[in-house]
Each structure stands twice: as C-alpha cells, then as structure tokens.
Amino acid sequence: MPAPPLPFDLHGPADPVTPLVLSVPHAGRAYPEEMQDLLRVPVAALLPLEDRLVDQVALAARGPHTLFVAKLPRAWIDLNRSEQERDPQVDAGADPMAQPRASARLRSGLGLIPRRASSAGDIWKRRLHADEVTARIMGHHRPYHAAVAAALASAHARFGVAILLDIHSMPSLPGVTPAQVVLGDRHGRSAARRLVDTLEAAAQDAGLRIARNQPYAGGHVVTTHGAPARNVHAVQIEFDRGLYLDPTLTEVGPGFPRLAAALAHMIAAVAADVLPQALAAE
C-alpha cells in the first residue's frame, strides 16, 4: 500500500543545509470534507483561527532554509498544543481527572481540538469520539512534530547548533503604539538570549515594534523542540496580521512585500550570527 500523504508541505531539503529550520503550524487551509460534515458553522467562520496566509510570508522569506507548513487547519487539530490539552467538552476521549489544572487556553476552548472560533461560538455539531481524535493525533500531530524534530536533529548533527523559528500571526494588539511582532522564548527557556536579541535587533532595523513574551510566550512547538542546554533553540514569532493582509484580513495586502523582506532580514541576521561558528565546528 502507498504511504499516506504527509500532513504538511516540506519546502527545502528534509536534511537542512543550514542550522535554521522554519515552521508554520497554523496557516493550513485544506478543510477536509469529513470535517465540514461535522461543523455547525460555515468554514468562513473558522478563518479567525488561521494564521491567515502567513505561510506565504514565510515562503517568500525562507531562502535556503528548510520550512514545514501544515496543510490542515488549526480547527482540525492544533499543532501548537500538547496531546494532553484535550477538552472534555468537545473530546469524548479526554480525561478531566488527568487535567486538574487545565490551561487558560483549554478553559477558553482553544485546546488540542479547538471548541470555538471567536464570535462564531462552538464549532462542532457533536462531541468527537475518542478514536476520531486519536486518528488526528496519529495522522497529523505526531508526524508534524516528528518531522520537525528530525530536521533539527539533522541540523544539529551537521552544525553543532539548530534553530527553529516558529512563525505565526496575531490580531492587532491594543494600545496607541502596540507591538507589531512578539518574540516568544518561554521567558528564556526555549532559546538563548543572544539569539532572541539578534532577532529583535533585525526586526527593529526593519522598522517594526517588538515585544518579548507578552502576550505570547510561545506554545507547544517551542516548548517541545527548544533545548538551549543542547544548543537547540526555538523561538515563536508572531506578526500583526495588519502588516501583510488587506483590510478584510482575508487576502494578501500591500504590506506583504515589506513584511516578507523584514522576515528575510531577521532570518539572515540569525544565520549570519550562527553560521560561522557552526561551520567552524563542522
């Protein structure tokens, strides 16, 4: 039997040719028919859950670096949540006793299988069976993380260092002059400070306003894959959607080229910082 299709698109080599690996886990927009049959809302109501078209920004900026882009939407399964963040209200296989301190995200309906989408309310017509959720974990969640982990291991074996940039987008933050980019490193637990300093300086050089860890400190992706003590680093990057989308926040807007150039500049700055040392160690 042929192997099942991969739940992600791979851009660049599976064995990275640089220490950098890029990930876009929330921009998938292939809504399976079996999913649509379970929805109590139209697919359009799920768009606020997407990091809408931020994969196109990453593709325009990636250069020679390996990039993973999830195909299926966050509403199907959230790759930036752990397998334990299962919501009993939507997932019949969830064990409430196993989660005595459910995360704020889970309580708000944004667990492994999202329960709600912004003002649209509850997504699903019924609770999902345990085997339905297990199939999504085995078919989509685990393969994505296994592929990212393998790429980072390959980069680390070759260069002695590996860096994951996990790319997301966010609604505009409140305030008079709010941050346009949020860098999340789990408050220093998923990446070395020098790396985040480099990203911040490059973003500022591109004219962007930066915050660290507020309001987004990084999710399951950087928590899982970042291990600074082993010289494997992971940073979540959140871009304001208004930077690159049109006023409806559904299609690419006039700011797209500028943001793609800014991300390319951030990526290049990190590569320039680590590559000489990595090549010396190779």
Protein backbone atom coordinates (compact mmCIF):
# COMPACT_ATOMS: atom_id res chain seq x y z
CA MET A 1 0.00 0.00 0.00
CA PRO A 2 1.25 3.52 -0.71
CA ALA A 3 2.22 5.62 2.28
CA PRO A 4 -0.46 8.09 3.42
CA PRO A 5 0.12 11.67 2.28
CA LEU A 6 2.14 13.85 4.60
CA PRO A 7 0.08 16.29 6.67
CA PHE A 8 2.49 19.10 5.82
CA ASP A 9 4.30 20.63 2.90
CA LEU A 10 8.09 20.48 3.03
CA HIS A 11 9.97 23.29 1.34
CA GLY A 12 13.69 22.69 1.04
CA PRO A 13 15.56 19.54 2.00
CA ALA A 14 14.46 17.27 4.84
CA ASP A 15 18.12 17.33 5.95
CA PRO A 16 18.72 21.06 6.37
CA VAL A 17 21.66 22.71 4.63
CA THR A 18 21.79 25.42 7.32
CA PRO A 19 21.25 25.36 11.10
CA LEU A 20 17.86 27.08 10.68
CA VAL A 21 14.51 25.31 10.38
CA LEU A 22 11.23 27.19 9.87
CA SER A 23 7.77 26.03 10.95
CA VAL A 24 4.28 27.36 10.15
CA PRO A 25 1.77 25.22 12.09
CA HIS A 26 -1.36 27.40 12.00
CA ALA A 27 -1.79 28.52 8.37
CA GLY A 28 -3.31 25.32 6.98
CA ARG A 29 -6.49 25.90 4.99
CA ALA A 30 -7.32 22.50 3.44
CA TYR A 31 -10.65 21.75 5.15
CA PRO A 32 -11.44 18.01 4.68
CA GLU A 33 -14.96 17.07 3.65
CA GLU A 34 -15.28 14.85 6.72
CA MET A 35 -14.51 17.89 8.85
CA GLN A 36 -17.03 20.10 7.08
CA ASP A 37 -19.72 17.49 7.72
CA LEU A 38 -19.09 17.86 11.47
CA LEU A 39 -19.22 21.65 11.56
CA ARG A 40 -22.14 23.61 12.91
CA VAL A 41 -20.68 26.82 11.44
CA PRO A 42 -19.54 27.67 7.89
CA VAL A 43 -15.87 27.26 7.08
CA ALA A 44 -15.59 31.05 6.76
CA ALA A 45 -16.33 31.32 10.49
CA LEU A 46 -13.11 29.40 11.21
CA LEU A 47 -10.81 31.87 9.45
CA PRO A 48 -10.05 33.76 12.70
CA LEU A 49 -8.39 30.56 13.95
CA GLU A 50 -6.00 30.57 10.99
CA ASP A 51 -2.72 32.44 10.95
CA ARG A 52 -4.11 33.64 7.67
CA LEU A 53 -1.61 33.30 4.77
CA VAL A 54 1.43 33.76 6.99
CA ASP A 55 2.87 30.71 5.22
CA GLN A 56 3.18 32.89 2.10
CA VAL A 57 5.28 35.35 4.09
CA ALA A 58 7.50 32.50 5.27
CA LEU A 59 7.82 31.09 1.75
CA ALA A 60 8.83 34.47 0.35
CA ALA A 61 11.45 34.90 3.09
CA ARG A 62 12.85 31.40 3.63
CA GLY A 63 15.92 31.42 1.35
CA PRO A 64 17.76 28.07 1.52
CA HIS A 65 16.31 27.08 4.88
CA THR A 66 14.03 24.09 5.44
CA LEU A 67 10.38 25.04 6.01
CA PHE A 68 7.44 22.97 7.26
CA VAL A 69 3.90 24.22 6.58
CA ALA A 70 0.89 22.38 8.00
CA LYS A 71 -1.75 21.59 5.36
CA LEU A 72 -4.78 21.12 7.59
CA PRO A 73 -6.30 23.96 9.59
CA ARG A 74 -5.82 24.63 13.25
CA ALA A 75 -9.52 23.85 13.76
CA TRP A 76 -8.83 20.22 12.74
CA ILE A 77 -6.03 19.83 15.29
CA ASP A 78 -3.80 22.43 16.87
CA LEU A 79 -0.15 21.53 16.37
CA ASN A 80 0.84 24.18 18.92
CA ARG A 81 -0.95 22.35 21.75
CA SER A 82 0.23 19.26 23.56
CA GLU A 83 -1.56 15.94 23.17
CA GLN A 84 -2.68 16.29 26.79
CA GLU A 85 -4.61 19.53 26.18
CA ARG A 86 -7.82 17.66 25.36
CA ASP A 87 -11.10 19.42 26.03
CA PRO A 88 -13.79 17.17 27.63
CA GLN A 89 -16.49 19.42 26.23
CA VAL A 90 -15.58 18.51 22.65
CA ASP A 91 -13.49 15.33 23.00
CA ALA A 92 -15.07 12.19 24.41
CA GLY A 93 -11.60 10.69 24.88
CA ALA A 94 -10.43 13.45 27.20
CA ASP A 95 -9.93 12.54 30.85
CA PRO A 96 -10.87 15.51 33.06
CA MET A 97 -9.08 13.88 36.01
CA ALA A 98 -5.83 13.94 34.04
CA GLN A 99 -6.02 17.73 33.82
CA PRO A 100 -6.54 19.04 37.35
CA ARG A 101 -5.04 22.36 36.29
CA ALA A 102 -6.30 22.92 32.77
CA SER A 103 -4.51 25.71 30.94
CA ALA A 104 -6.23 29.04 30.31
CA ARG A 105 -6.21 28.18 26.61
CA LEU A 106 -8.02 24.92 27.22
CA ARG A 107 -10.56 26.55 29.52
CA SER A 108 -11.27 29.15 26.84
CA GLY A 109 -11.96 26.48 24.21
CA LEU A 110 -8.60 26.56 22.43
CA GLY A 111 -7.20 23.16 23.29
CA LEU A 112 -5.80 20.41 21.09
CA ILE A 113 -9.12 20.29 19.23
CA PRO A 114 -10.50 23.84 19.34
CA ARG A 115 -14.06 24.05 20.61
CA ARG A 116 -14.87 27.57 19.49
CA ALA A 117 -13.88 30.17 16.91
CA SER A 118 -14.03 33.79 18.00
CA SER A 119 -17.56 35.24 17.91
CA ALA A 120 -18.90 32.22 15.96
CA GLY A 121 -19.14 30.20 19.17
CA ASP A 122 -18.98 26.42 19.27
CA ILE A 123 -17.61 24.75 16.14
CA TRP A 124 -18.80 21.15 16.29
CA LYS A 125 -22.25 19.58 15.95
CA ARG A 126 -21.33 16.91 18.49
CA ARG A 127 -18.55 15.69 20.74
CA LEU A 128 -15.84 13.88 18.85
CA HIS A 129 -15.30 10.20 19.55
CA ALA A 130 -12.03 9.20 21.19
CA ASP A 131 -10.90 7.30 18.10
CA GLU A 132 -11.59 10.34 15.89
CA VAL A 133 -9.25 12.48 18.00
CA THR A 134 -6.68 9.68 18.20
CA ALA A 135 -6.69 9.46 14.39
CA ARG A 136 -5.95 13.17 14.15
CA ILE A 137 -3.11 12.87 16.67
CA MET A 138 -1.56 9.87 14.92
CA GLY A 139 -2.13 11.13 11.39
CA HIS A 140 -1.27 14.80 11.77
CA HIS A 141 0.06 15.98 15.13
CA ARG A 142 2.77 13.38 15.69
CA PRO A 143 4.06 13.26 12.10
CA TYR A 144 4.47 17.05 12.02
CA HIS A 145 6.45 17.15 15.25
CA ALA A 146 8.48 14.08 14.29
CA ALA A 147 9.49 15.73 11.01
CA VAL A 148 10.47 18.99 12.72
CA ALA A 149 12.43 17.08 15.37
CA ALA A 150 14.24 15.04 12.71
CA ALA A 151 15.21 18.17 10.78
CA LEU A 152 16.53 19.84 13.93
CA ALA A 153 18.48 16.70 14.84
CA SER A 154 20.00 16.61 11.37
CA ALA A 155 20.97 20.29 11.52
CA HIS A 156 22.46 19.83 14.99
CA ALA A 157 24.44 16.77 13.92
CA ARG A 158 25.91 18.67 10.98
CA PHE A 159 26.48 22.11 12.51
CA GLY A 160 26.52 21.61 16.27
CA VAL A 161 23.59 24.00 16.62
CA ALA A 162 19.97 24.04 15.43
CA ILE A 163 17.44 26.87 15.49
CA LEU A 164 13.69 26.62 14.97
CA LEU A 165 11.75 29.74 14.05
CA ASP A 166 8.05 29.01 14.56
CA ILE A 167 6.10 31.57 12.54
CA HIS A 168 2.60 32.76 13.45
CA SER A 169 0.35 35.77 13.06
CA MET A 170 -1.80 37.58 15.60
CA PRO A 171 -4.66 40.08 15.75
CA SER A 172 -3.53 43.67 16.21
CA LEU A 173 -2.69 44.31 19.85
CA PRO A 174 -4.41 47.11 21.78
CA GLY A 175 -2.70 50.39 22.61
CA VAL A 176 -1.54 53.60 20.98
CA THR A 177 1.73 52.14 19.67
CA PRO A 178 1.35 48.37 20.18
CA ALA A 179 3.98 45.81 19.30
CA GLN A 180 3.79 44.54 15.73
CA VAL A 181 5.97 41.50 16.41
CA VAL A 182 6.08 39.34 19.54
CA LEU A 183 9.06 37.06 20.10
CA GLY A 184 8.30 34.14 22.42
CA ASP A 185 11.08 32.10 24.00
CA ARG A 186 9.23 30.81 27.07
CA HIS A 187 10.96 33.51 29.10
CA GLY A 188 14.39 32.22 28.17
CA ARG A 189 13.63 28.52 28.46
CA SER A 190 13.44 27.67 24.74
CA ALA A 191 16.27 29.78 23.27
CA ALA A 192 19.46 31.57 24.20
CA ARG A 193 19.08 35.27 24.89
CA ARG A 194 21.68 36.19 22.29
CA LEU A 195 19.58 34.59 19.55
CA VAL A 196 16.45 36.48 20.58
CA ASP A 197 18.48 39.70 20.83
CA THR A 198 19.59 39.16 17.24
CA LEU A 199 16.02 38.64 16.03
CA GLU A 200 14.82 41.70 17.92
CA ALA A 201 17.58 43.93 16.56
CA ALA A 202 16.91 42.80 12.99
CA ALA A 203 13.16 43.37 13.34
CA GLN A 204 13.77 46.83 14.78
CA ASP A 205 16.18 47.53 11.93
CA ALA A 206 13.30 46.71 9.57
CA GLY A 207 11.16 49.32 11.31
CA LEU A 208 8.97 47.00 13.39
CA ARG A 209 7.90 47.44 17.03
CA ILE A 210 8.84 44.44 19.17
CA ALA A 211 7.70 42.81 22.41
CA ARG A 212 9.05 39.72 24.12
CA ASN A 213 6.82 37.05 25.62
CA GLN A 214 3.86 39.41 26.06
CA PRO A 215 1.17 38.45 25.36
CA TYR A 216 2.57 35.34 23.63
CA ALA A 217 5.44 33.49 25.29
CA GLY A 218 5.41 30.54 22.89
CA GLY A 219 3.36 27.36 22.77
CA HIS A 220 3.86 23.62 22.44
CA VAL A 221 6.12 23.85 19.38
CA VAL A 222 8.90 25.85 21.02
CA THR A 223 8.39 24.15 24.39
CA THR A 224 8.83 20.74 22.77
CA HIS A 225 11.70 21.47 20.42
CA GLY A 226 13.72 24.15 22.21
CA ALA A 227 16.59 22.80 24.35
CA PRO A 228 19.17 25.58 24.74
CA ALA A 229 21.37 23.44 27.00
CA ARG A 230 21.87 21.14 24.00
CA ASN A 231 22.31 24.10 21.63
CA VAL A 232 18.89 23.55 20.06
CA HIS A 233 16.90 26.78 20.18
CA ALA A 234 13.28 27.60 19.33
CA VAL A 235 11.56 30.97 19.08
CA GLN A 236 7.91 31.71 18.31
CA ILE A 237 7.43 34.77 16.08
CA GLU A 238 4.02 36.45 15.98
CA PHE A 239 3.37 39.06 13.28
CA ASP A 240 0.47 41.51 13.36
CA ARG A 241 -1.85 40.40 10.53
CA GLY A 242 -2.43 44.00 9.59
CA LEU A 243 1.18 44.17 8.42
CA TYR A 244 0.61 41.90 5.41
CA LEU A 245 -3.13 41.32 4.90
CA ASP A 246 -5.76 43.55 3.31
CA PRO A 247 -8.29 45.44 5.48
CA THR A 248 -10.63 42.42 5.47
CA LEU A 249 -7.80 40.25 6.88
CA THR A 250 -8.55 37.57 4.32
CA GLU A 251 -6.17 38.24 1.41
CA VAL A 252 -2.62 39.48 0.96
CA GLY A 253 -2.41 43.26 1.18
CA PRO A 254 0.03 45.94 0.07
CA GLY A 255 2.24 45.48 3.13
CA PHE A 256 3.14 41.90 2.19
CA PRO A 257 6.45 42.63 0.37
CA ARG A 258 7.72 44.77 3.25
CA LEU A 259 6.97 42.13 5.88
CA ALA A 260 8.46 39.34 3.77
CA ALA A 261 11.62 41.43 3.43
CA ALA A 262 11.63 42.07 7.18
CA LEU A 263 11.35 38.36 7.98
CA ALA A 264 14.08 37.56 5.44
CA HIS A 265 16.27 40.15 7.20
CA MET A 266 15.57 38.52 10.60
CA ILE A 267 16.38 35.07 9.25
CA ALA A 268 19.56 36.30 7.58
CA ALA A 269 20.68 38.02 10.79
CA VAL A 270 20.35 34.81 12.78
CA ALA A 271 22.11 32.79 10.07
CA ALA A 272 24.96 35.30 9.93
CA ASP A 273 25.31 35.12 13.70
CA VAL A 274 25.46 31.33 13.98
CA LEU A 275 26.80 30.03 10.67
CA PRO A 276 30.48 30.99 11.07
CA GLN A 277 30.60 29.23 14.45
CA ALA A 278 28.62 26.30 13.11
CA LEU A 279 30.88 25.84 10.10
CA ALA A 280 33.93 26.04 12.32
CA ALA A 281 32.53 23.21 14.40
CA GLU A 282 31.54 21.08 11.42
